[in-house]
Amino acid sequence: MTQWSGPTLIAVFAGFGLAFVLVVPYVAISYRKRGELGLLRAIAAPAFLVYCFALVTYTLLPLPDVDAAYCATHEALRHPVWNPLQFLEDMRQFNTGLLDNPALRQVLFNVAFFVPWGVFVRRLFGRSIGFAIVTGFFVSLAIETTQLTGVWFLMECPYRLFDTGDLLTNTVGAGVGALLAPVLRRSGRLRPADEPRPVLARRRLLGMVLDLISVTLVGVVLSMIALAVQYVTKGTLQNNTLIDDVLGRWVPTAVLLLLVPLAGNGATPGQRAVLLTVVRADGRPPSILQSIVRFLIGSGGYFILVGLDSGWTSLWLLAHLVFMVFTRGHRGLTGLVCGLSVVDTRAVDREPVAPPG
């Protein structure tokens, strides 16, 4: 494993792990604020989380064995470099070509490392160039201070150098990214957030994926709580069918995919996040019987098959995907059987729903 591969892997796994946890509320907020998610934003959001973790891992890792002997041999790290142009003198010390100069490479890396910051601040958060530059400076300052204090005095001494040249080049990088950000501006007319959008197959699929993520996360939380209670009361942790199957799968499935639609407008949490709802031909919410049948035929049936370790699970998924893509209005197999349609919630009060056909 190279010097950079470890921090890279940590940043990628941590970033996408946090994205997995935050994806449902993020999608819900995006749909309500902008009316849609958008491909660029769907890519940029998890990329920003990976980048933030990369800022941490690349600047703090690898951690050396910091002890009294290390501190004694690295006394120079206690003294910050206050001259922000010191890198010019460092460049003169290397008898190499300009492109092969290690000091110049470090400067260019420091600039490039903060270019994404400026792009994300402008395009993902919609802030100004000045805001991107100022926040880039303070993020860099936080990193340099963390290094100067030995990870805020958790180490016996600093193991990396506080360099004002890094502050300068990082801030320049944030400014470059902020200036380049308009190149990524989306084309086309930006529609009002309250304007209904078509019910597309990819939007339906996104709602299904969000439902799966919601059930998984709630199941993990309930299982962890049960394990904590077990450890406190019995002093041990054991595999338990009650925890793994009932709390980890059945309870979140029944609550999120059956009780929540029954108590609301018929939509699951994933459908609510992408502003979809389920209605009958006359525009009314599904009946109790329709909701139960829809649950058993659809997501509930899937989780039942998973729990039974059935070989039909893959075929079940394939059938639902095919019907979801090719049925009118992407109503899917459950809509076809139960006589229900999937519509944009913003269109429910504007026009009647066409009878299923």
Protein backbone atom coordinates (compact mmCIF):
# COMPACT_ATOMS: atom_id res chain seq x y z
CA MET A 1 0.00 0.00 0.00
CA THR A 2 1.43 3.37 -1.02
CA GLN A 3 1.60 6.50 1.13
CA TRP A 4 -1.61 7.87 -0.43
CA SER A 5 -3.64 4.71 -0.97
CA GLY A 6 -4.52 4.29 2.72
CA PRO A 7 -5.92 7.82 3.19
CA THR A 8 -7.70 7.53 -0.17
CA LEU A 9 -9.50 4.32 0.80
CA ILE A 10 -10.49 5.74 4.19
CA ALA A 11 -11.86 8.90 2.56
CA VAL A 12 -13.83 6.96 -0.05
CA PHE A 13 -15.38 4.47 2.36
CA ALA A 14 -16.12 7.07 5.04
CA GLY A 15 -17.56 9.52 2.50
CA PHE A 16 -19.86 7.03 0.82
CA GLY A 17 -20.81 5.54 4.19
CA LEU A 18 -21.97 8.93 5.43
CA ALA A 19 -23.70 9.55 2.08
CA PHE A 20 -25.63 6.29 2.56
CA VAL A 21 -26.85 7.51 5.96
CA LEU A 22 -27.80 10.99 4.74
CA VAL A 23 -29.18 10.17 1.29
CA VAL A 24 -32.89 10.00 2.23
CA PRO A 25 -33.12 13.41 3.96
CA TYR A 26 -30.84 14.95 1.32
CA VAL A 27 -33.02 13.79 -1.56
CA ALA A 28 -36.17 14.91 0.27
CA ILE A 29 -34.74 18.38 0.92
CA SER A 30 -33.50 18.70 -2.66
CA TYR A 31 -36.91 17.85 -4.13
CA ARG A 32 -38.68 20.33 -1.90
CA LYS A 33 -36.17 23.12 -2.43
CA ARG A 34 -35.49 22.67 -6.16
CA GLY A 35 -38.29 20.41 -7.36
CA GLU A 36 -35.87 17.68 -8.43
CA LEU A 37 -32.53 16.11 -7.62
CA GLY A 38 -30.58 16.39 -10.88
CA LEU A 39 -27.75 14.20 -12.11
CA LEU A 40 -24.99 16.71 -11.35
CA ARG A 41 -26.20 17.24 -7.79
CA ALA A 42 -26.60 13.49 -7.25
CA ILE A 43 -22.94 13.05 -8.17
CA ALA A 44 -21.65 16.18 -6.42
CA ALA A 45 -23.17 15.54 -2.99
CA PRO A 46 -21.40 12.22 -2.20
CA ALA A 47 -18.27 13.53 -3.95
CA PHE A 48 -18.24 16.47 -1.53
CA LEU A 49 -18.39 14.12 1.46
CA VAL A 50 -15.52 12.04 0.07
CA TYR A 51 -13.56 15.24 -0.53
CA CYS A 52 -14.13 16.45 3.05
CA PHE A 53 -12.84 13.16 4.44
CA ALA A 54 -9.91 13.39 2.03
CA LEU A 55 -9.03 16.79 3.51
CA VAL A 56 -8.78 15.09 6.89
CA THR A 57 -7.01 11.90 5.87
CA TYR A 58 -4.45 13.47 3.52
CA THR A 59 -3.45 16.11 6.05
CA LEU A 60 -3.35 13.93 9.18
CA LEU A 61 -2.47 10.44 7.94
CA PRO A 62 -0.37 8.40 8.25
CA LEU A 63 0.05 8.89 11.98
CA PRO A 64 3.65 8.32 13.12
CA ASP A 65 4.62 6.83 16.47
CA VAL A 66 4.89 10.13 18.33
CA ASP A 67 6.88 9.65 21.53
CA ALA A 68 9.62 11.50 23.39
CA ALA A 69 12.28 10.24 20.99
CA TYR A 70 10.27 11.35 17.96
CA CYS A 71 9.72 14.80 19.45
CA ALA A 72 13.42 15.16 20.20
CA THR A 73 14.42 14.39 16.61
CA HIS A 74 11.67 16.54 15.06
CA GLU A 75 12.12 19.71 17.08
CA ALA A 76 11.90 21.84 13.92
CA LEU A 77 8.22 20.96 13.55
CA ARG A 78 7.48 23.06 16.64
CA HIS A 79 8.46 26.23 14.74
CA PRO A 80 5.96 27.43 12.11
CA VAL A 81 7.05 28.83 8.77
CA TRP A 82 5.76 32.39 8.86
CA ASN A 83 6.98 33.45 5.43
CA PRO A 84 4.20 32.51 2.95
CA LEU A 85 6.70 32.76 0.05
CA GLN A 86 9.26 30.43 1.60
CA PHE A 87 8.47 27.90 -1.14
CA LEU A 88 10.32 30.16 -3.62
CA GLU A 89 13.53 29.70 -1.65
CA ASP A 90 12.83 25.99 -1.34
CA MET A 91 12.53 25.73 -5.12
CA ARG A 92 16.00 27.26 -5.59
CA GLN A 93 17.56 24.57 -3.44
CA PHE A 94 16.75 21.84 -5.95
CA ASN A 95 19.03 21.56 -8.96
CA THR A 96 16.34 20.21 -11.29
CA GLY A 97 14.18 21.32 -14.15
CA LEU A 98 11.14 23.40 -13.31
CA LEU A 99 8.63 20.61 -13.87
CA ASP A 100 10.74 18.17 -11.86
CA ASN A 101 11.17 20.50 -8.89
CA PRO A 102 9.72 18.78 -5.76
CA ALA A 103 8.98 22.12 -4.07
CA LEU A 104 7.02 23.34 -7.09
CA ARG A 105 5.12 20.06 -7.26
CA GLN A 106 4.11 20.50 -3.63
CA VAL A 107 2.89 24.03 -4.33
CA LEU A 108 0.85 22.88 -7.31
CA PHE A 109 -0.60 20.00 -5.27
CA ASN A 110 -1.65 22.40 -2.50
CA VAL A 111 -3.39 24.62 -5.06
CA ALA A 112 -5.08 21.70 -6.82
CA PHE A 113 -6.16 20.16 -3.52
CA PHE A 114 -8.41 23.13 -2.75
CA VAL A 115 -9.79 23.72 -6.25
CA PRO A 116 -12.68 21.29 -5.53
CA TRP A 117 -13.54 23.33 -2.42
CA GLY A 118 -14.23 26.42 -4.51
CA VAL A 119 -16.24 24.40 -7.05
CA PHE A 120 -18.38 22.70 -4.40
CA VAL A 121 -19.07 25.92 -2.50
CA ARG A 122 -20.20 27.68 -5.69
CA ARG A 123 -22.10 24.91 -7.46
CA LEU A 124 -23.37 22.68 -4.67
CA PHE A 125 -24.18 25.36 -2.09
CA GLY A 126 -24.72 28.34 -4.40
CA ARG A 127 -22.43 30.71 -2.49
CA SER A 128 -20.32 33.59 -3.82
CA ILE A 129 -16.70 33.62 -4.95
CA GLY A 130 -15.73 35.61 -1.86
CA PHE A 131 -17.42 33.11 0.42
CA ALA A 132 -15.56 30.25 -1.28
CA ILE A 133 -12.21 31.99 -0.84
CA VAL A 134 -12.80 32.97 2.80
CA THR A 135 -14.05 29.52 3.82
CA GLY A 136 -11.16 27.92 1.92
CA PHE A 137 -8.75 30.01 3.97
CA PHE A 138 -10.36 29.05 7.28
CA VAL A 139 -10.51 25.36 6.40
CA SER A 140 -6.82 25.48 5.53
CA LEU A 141 -6.11 27.37 8.76
CA ALA A 142 -7.96 24.69 10.74
CA ILE A 143 -5.84 22.01 9.06
CA GLU A 144 -2.55 23.82 9.70
CA THR A 145 -3.52 24.54 13.32
CA THR A 146 -4.42 20.88 13.82
CA GLN A 147 -0.96 19.95 12.57
CA LEU A 148 0.78 22.60 14.71
CA THR A 149 -0.97 21.47 17.90
CA GLY A 150 -0.34 17.78 17.29
CA VAL A 151 -4.02 17.06 16.57
CA TRP A 152 -5.13 19.51 19.24
CA PHE A 153 -2.63 18.25 21.84
CA LEU A 154 -3.57 14.59 21.52
CA MET A 155 0.04 13.99 20.44
CA GLU A 156 3.10 14.83 22.51
CA CYS A 157 4.33 17.19 19.82
CA PRO A 158 3.56 18.26 16.25
CA TYR A 159 4.33 15.72 13.54
CA ARG A 160 3.68 18.04 10.59
CA LEU A 161 4.73 21.59 9.87
CA PHE A 162 2.54 24.69 10.14
CA ASP A 163 3.32 26.54 6.91
CA THR A 164 1.74 29.86 5.95
CA GLY A 165 2.73 29.01 2.37
CA ASP A 166 0.18 26.19 2.51
CA LEU A 167 -2.42 28.69 3.71
CA LEU A 168 -1.65 30.89 0.72
CA THR A 169 -1.67 28.14 -1.90
CA ASN A 170 -4.77 26.44 -0.47
CA THR A 171 -6.65 29.75 -0.53
CA VAL A 172 -5.52 30.39 -4.10
CA GLY A 173 -6.79 26.92 -5.01
CA ALA A 174 -10.20 27.67 -3.50
CA GLY A 175 -10.33 30.90 -5.51
CA VAL A 176 -9.40 29.11 -8.74
CA GLY A 177 -12.14 26.54 -8.12
CA ALA A 178 -14.67 29.28 -7.44
CA LEU A 179 -13.77 30.99 -10.72
CA LEU A 180 -14.00 27.73 -12.66
CA ALA A 181 -17.33 26.70 -11.11
CA PRO A 182 -19.59 28.52 -13.65
CA VAL A 183 -18.24 26.18 -16.33
CA LEU A 184 -20.30 23.45 -14.67
CA ARG A 185 -23.49 25.49 -14.76
CA ARG A 186 -26.42 23.38 -15.93
CA SER A 187 -28.12 24.30 -19.16
CA GLY A 188 -31.84 24.58 -19.74
CA ARG A 189 -34.67 26.39 -18.02
CA LEU A 190 -34.83 26.04 -14.24
CA ARG A 191 -38.46 25.30 -13.43
CA PRO A 192 -40.16 26.44 -10.21
CA ALA A 193 -39.87 23.96 -7.34
CA ASP A 194 -43.67 23.63 -7.04
CA GLU A 195 -44.12 22.76 -10.72
CA PRO A 196 -45.02 19.05 -11.19
CA ARG A 197 -42.47 16.84 -12.91
CA PRO A 198 -43.15 13.73 -15.01
CA VAL A 199 -43.16 10.39 -13.23
CA LEU A 200 -40.12 8.81 -14.86
CA ALA A 201 -38.76 5.31 -14.37
CA ARG A 202 -35.54 6.59 -12.78
CA ARG A 203 -37.54 8.63 -10.28
CA ARG A 204 -39.61 5.59 -9.35
CA LEU A 205 -36.42 3.54 -9.02
CA LEU A 206 -34.87 6.21 -6.79
CA GLY A 207 -37.90 6.03 -4.50
CA MET A 208 -37.55 2.25 -4.27
CA VAL A 209 -33.85 2.52 -3.45
CA LEU A 210 -34.59 5.10 -0.75
CA ASP A 211 -37.16 2.72 0.76
CA LEU A 212 -34.57 -0.05 0.87
CA ILE A 213 -32.03 2.28 2.48
CA SER A 214 -34.60 3.48 5.03
CA VAL A 215 -35.51 -0.07 6.07
CA THR A 216 -31.83 -1.00 6.33
CA LEU A 217 -30.88 2.00 8.45
CA VAL A 218 -33.83 1.70 10.82
CA GLY A 219 -33.12 -2.03 11.15
CA VAL A 220 -29.48 -1.34 12.00
CA VAL A 221 -30.45 1.24 14.63
CA LEU A 222 -33.03 -1.05 16.27
CA SER A 223 -30.57 -3.96 16.26
CA MET A 224 -27.84 -1.82 17.84
CA ILE A 225 -30.23 -0.64 20.55
CA ALA A 226 -31.28 -4.24 21.26
CA LEU A 227 -27.65 -5.37 21.41
CA ALA A 228 -26.79 -2.52 23.78
CA VAL A 229 -29.67 -3.50 26.06
CA GLN A 230 -28.54 -7.13 25.89
CA TYR A 231 -24.99 -6.20 26.81
CA VAL A 232 -26.08 -3.99 29.73
CA THR A 233 -28.49 -6.58 31.15
CA LYS A 234 -26.57 -9.79 30.43
CA GLY A 235 -23.01 -8.63 30.00
CA THR A 236 -22.65 -10.45 26.67
CA LEU A 237 -23.41 -10.13 22.98
CA GLN A 238 -24.97 -13.07 21.17
CA ASN A 239 -26.55 -13.59 17.78
CA ASN A 240 -30.27 -13.56 18.27
CA THR A 241 -33.00 -14.32 15.72
CA LEU A 242 -35.26 -11.82 17.45
CA ILE A 243 -32.71 -9.09 16.86
CA ASP A 244 -31.55 -10.09 13.40
CA ASP A 245 -34.91 -10.93 11.82
CA VAL A 246 -37.64 -9.20 13.82
CA LEU A 247 -35.96 -5.91 14.76
CA GLY A 248 -33.49 -5.84 11.90
CA ARG A 249 -35.99 -6.57 9.12
CA TRP A 250 -39.66 -7.23 9.95
CA VAL A 251 -40.37 -4.28 12.24
CA PRO A 252 -38.83 -1.56 10.01
CA THR A 253 -40.42 -3.12 6.92
CA ALA A 254 -43.90 -3.22 8.48
CA VAL A 255 -43.64 0.26 9.97
CA LEU A 256 -42.09 2.11 7.03
CA LEU A 257 -43.66 0.32 4.10
CA LEU A 258 -47.11 -0.59 5.50
CA LEU A 259 -48.06 1.54 8.52
CA VAL A 260 -46.59 4.82 7.21
CA PRO A 261 -48.53 4.57 3.88
CA LEU A 262 -51.69 3.54 5.76
CA ALA A 263 -51.39 6.49 8.13
CA GLY A 264 -50.57 8.98 5.37
CA ASN A 265 -51.49 9.41 1.74
CA GLY A 266 -50.47 5.94 0.62
CA ALA A 267 -46.85 6.80 -0.18
CA THR A 268 -43.83 5.08 1.30
CA PRO A 269 -40.95 7.16 2.78
CA GLY A 270 -38.95 6.77 -0.45
CA GLN A 271 -41.89 7.96 -2.54
CA ARG A 272 -42.48 10.88 -0.21
CA ALA A 273 -38.83 11.89 -0.54
CA VAL A 274 -39.12 12.18 -4.34
CA LEU A 275 -42.56 13.82 -4.13
CA LEU A 276 -44.56 10.86 -5.40
CA THR A 277 -47.83 9.52 -4.07
CA VAL A 278 -50.20 6.67 -4.86
CA VAL A 279 -53.84 7.30 -5.80
CA ARG A 280 -56.90 5.52 -7.13
CA ALA A 281 -58.50 6.41 -10.47
CA ASP A 282 -60.63 9.10 -8.78
CA GLY A 283 -57.58 10.69 -7.14
CA ARG A 284 -58.31 9.43 -3.63
CA PRO A 285 -55.68 7.64 -1.52
CA PRO A 286 -55.64 3.83 -1.61
CA SER A 287 -58.05 1.93 0.63
CA ILE A 288 -56.74 -0.15 3.53
CA LEU A 289 -57.24 -3.34 1.54
CA GLN A 290 -55.44 -1.92 -1.48
CA SER A 291 -52.53 -0.79 0.71
CA ILE A 292 -52.18 -4.21 2.31
CA VAL A 293 -52.32 -6.05 -1.00
CA ARG A 294 -49.87 -3.57 -2.50
CA PHE A 295 -47.51 -4.15 0.43
CA LEU A 296 -47.67 -7.95 0.12
CA ILE A 297 -47.20 -7.93 -3.64
CA GLY A 298 -44.50 -5.26 -3.58
CA SER A 299 -41.84 -4.31 -1.07
CA GLY A 300 -43.31 -6.38 1.74
CA GLY A 301 -43.23 -9.48 -0.43
CA TYR A 302 -39.61 -8.78 -1.32
CA PHE A 303 -38.50 -8.60 2.31
CA ILE A 304 -40.53 -11.71 3.12
CA LEU A 305 -38.66 -13.61 0.39
CA VAL A 306 -35.35 -12.24 1.66
CA GLY A 307 -36.18 -13.38 5.17
CA LEU A 308 -37.10 -16.84 3.92
CA ASP A 309 -33.87 -16.97 1.88
CA SER A 310 -35.98 -17.83 -1.13
CA GLY A 311 -34.53 -18.47 -4.55
CA TRP A 312 -37.40 -16.47 -6.07
CA THR A 313 -36.10 -13.14 -4.74
CA SER A 314 -34.12 -12.21 -7.87
CA LEU A 315 -37.02 -13.14 -10.17
CA TRP A 316 -39.37 -11.11 -7.96
CA LEU A 317 -37.13 -8.05 -8.28
CA LEU A 318 -36.75 -8.49 -12.03
CA ALA A 319 -40.50 -8.76 -12.55
CA HIS A 320 -41.17 -5.58 -10.58
CA LEU A 321 -38.46 -3.68 -12.44
CA VAL A 322 -39.84 -4.73 -15.82
CA PHE A 323 -43.41 -3.75 -14.90
CA MET A 324 -42.21 -0.50 -13.37
CA VAL A 325 -40.42 0.47 -16.59
CA PHE A 326 -43.02 -0.63 -19.15
CA THR A 327 -46.42 -0.01 -17.51
CA ARG A 328 -48.31 3.20 -18.23
CA GLY A 329 -47.22 5.97 -15.89
CA HIS A 330 -44.63 3.55 -14.46
CA ARG A 331 -47.28 2.36 -12.02
CA GLY A 332 -45.60 -1.03 -11.70
CA LEU A 333 -46.95 -4.48 -10.95
CA THR A 334 -48.56 -3.40 -7.68
CA GLY A 335 -50.37 -0.53 -9.37
CA LEU A 336 -51.58 -2.81 -12.16
CA VAL A 337 -52.96 -5.41 -9.74
CA CYS A 338 -54.46 -2.95 -7.26
CA GLY A 339 -55.76 -0.40 -9.76
CA LEU A 340 -53.50 2.37 -8.47
CA SER A 341 -51.41 5.06 -10.14
CA VAL A 342 -48.22 6.81 -9.05
CA VAL A 343 -48.35 10.58 -9.52
CA ASP A 344 -46.41 13.68 -8.59
CA THR A 345 -47.76 15.05 -5.30
CA ARG A 346 -47.69 18.58 -6.75
CA ALA A 347 -50.14 17.52 -9.46
CA VAL A 348 -52.75 15.85 -7.25
CA ASP A 349 -54.72 19.02 -6.56
CA ARG A 350 -54.27 20.50 -10.03
CA GLU A 351 -55.87 17.98 -12.35
CA PRO A 352 -57.74 14.66 -12.12
CA VAL A 353 -55.78 11.45 -12.42
CA ALA A 354 -56.32 9.56 -15.67
CA PRO A 355 -58.01 6.16 -15.22
CA PRO A 356 -55.49 3.30 -15.28
CA GLY A 357 -55.22 1.62 -18.61
